[in-house]
Amino acid sequence: MSPSLSLEGPVEFLDGKLVLRIPLDQGGTDLVPLTRAIASVVGDELVVEIQPWLAEKLGIRAGSMVVVSNLNGRFNLIRSDDNDPQKGM
């Protein structure tokens, strides 16, 4: 099992979809096996597509900051309250 990791980054709107781009050399490689159904490797990044229902549930949109981790051997995605530009709106 790979070491535990936690990364924070922005949600982007790309080709009509909400995505999170995770550089492979900054932990994306460790997340590839956990995201096979929802992500693809594009160049040197893991591109995770965020389904509309999940974005709504998490209260995220393009520009929102999220945290991903591999806690418990699963891909975890949560909204980052401290860095989300929607905070206080």
Protein backbone atom coordinates (compact mmCIF):
# COMPACT_ATOMS: atom_id res chain seq x y z
CA MET A 1 0.00 0.00 0.00
CA SER A 2 1.30 3.46 -0.84
CA PRO A 3 1.94 5.98 1.92
CA SER A 4 -0.92 8.17 3.01
CA LEU A 5 -1.20 11.42 1.09
CA SER A 6 -3.40 14.48 1.12
CA LEU A 7 -3.38 17.11 -1.62
CA GLU A 8 -5.28 20.34 -2.06
CA GLY A 9 -6.15 22.01 -5.33
CA PRO A 10 -8.75 23.87 -7.37
CA VAL A 11 -11.67 22.45 -9.29
CA GLU A 12 -11.59 23.53 -12.93
CA PHE A 13 -14.14 23.69 -15.75
CA LEU A 14 -12.57 21.89 -18.70
CA ASP A 15 -14.33 20.78 -21.89
CA GLY A 16 -17.75 21.28 -20.30
CA LYS A 17 -16.93 19.23 -17.20
CA LEU A 18 -15.76 19.88 -13.66
CA VAL A 19 -12.35 18.31 -13.15
CA LEU A 20 -9.49 18.16 -10.74
CA ARG A 21 -6.01 17.92 -12.28
CA ILE A 22 -3.44 16.23 -10.07
CA PRO A 23 0.21 16.20 -11.17
CA LEU A 24 1.51 12.63 -11.28
CA ASP A 25 4.82 13.68 -9.72
CA GLN A 26 3.03 15.27 -6.74
CA GLY A 27 1.03 12.22 -5.66
CA GLY A 28 -1.20 11.56 -8.64
CA THR A 29 0.63 8.31 -9.37
CA ASP A 30 -0.47 6.93 -5.99
CA LEU A 31 -4.10 7.82 -6.78
CA VAL A 32 -4.27 6.26 -10.26
CA PRO A 33 -5.26 2.76 -9.05
CA LEU A 34 -7.98 4.26 -6.85
CA THR A 35 -9.57 6.37 -9.61
CA ARG A 36 -9.74 4.06 -12.62
CA ALA A 37 -13.51 4.54 -13.14
CA ILE A 38 -13.55 8.32 -12.69
CA ALA A 39 -10.20 9.55 -13.99
CA SER A 40 -7.64 9.26 -16.74
CA VAL A 41 -3.99 10.07 -17.13
CA VAL A 42 -3.48 12.94 -19.56
CA GLY A 43 0.15 13.80 -20.13
CA ASP A 44 1.75 14.20 -16.72
CA GLU A 45 -1.54 14.68 -14.83
CA LEU A 46 -4.30 12.57 -13.37
CA VAL A 47 -7.55 14.22 -14.48
CA VAL A 48 -10.47 13.36 -12.20
CA GLU A 49 -13.95 14.14 -13.50
CA ILE A 50 -16.35 15.35 -10.81
CA GLN A 51 -19.92 14.34 -11.56
CA PRO A 52 -22.59 17.06 -11.21
CA TRP A 53 -24.40 15.19 -8.42
CA LEU A 54 -21.18 15.02 -6.38
CA ALA A 55 -20.35 18.68 -7.01
CA GLU A 56 -23.82 19.61 -5.78
CA LYS A 57 -23.53 17.36 -2.73
CA LEU A 58 -20.13 18.85 -1.80
CA GLY A 59 -21.14 22.41 -2.68
CA ILE A 60 -18.29 22.88 -5.14
CA ARG A 61 -17.94 24.53 -8.52
CA ALA A 62 -15.14 25.74 -10.77
CA GLY A 63 -12.69 27.65 -8.58
CA SER A 64 -13.56 25.77 -5.39
CA MET A 65 -10.67 24.26 -3.47
CA VAL A 66 -10.87 20.57 -2.62
CA VAL A 67 -8.74 18.09 -0.73
CA VAL A 68 -8.06 14.59 -2.05
CA SER A 69 -6.50 11.75 -0.12
CA ASN A 70 -5.95 8.03 -0.23
CA LEU A 71 -7.05 7.46 3.37
CA ASN A 72 -8.12 3.85 4.06
CA GLY A 73 -6.99 2.81 0.57
CA ARG A 74 -9.78 4.76 -1.10
CA PHE A 75 -9.97 7.95 -3.16
CA ASN A 76 -11.47 10.65 -0.95
CA LEU A 77 -12.61 14.07 -2.17
CA ILE A 78 -13.84 16.76 0.21
CA ARG A 79 -14.48 20.47 -0.01
CA SER A 80 -11.83 22.64 1.62
CA ASP A 81 -13.73 25.18 3.72
CA ASP A 82 -10.62 27.22 4.50
CA ASN A 83 -9.63 27.75 0.87
CA ASP A 84 -12.96 27.72 -0.93
CA PRO A 85 -13.76 31.02 -2.64
CA GLN A 86 -17.46 30.35 -1.94
CA LYS A 87 -16.87 30.60 1.82
CA GLY A 88 -18.87 33.38 3.35
CA MET A 89 -21.16 33.78 0.34
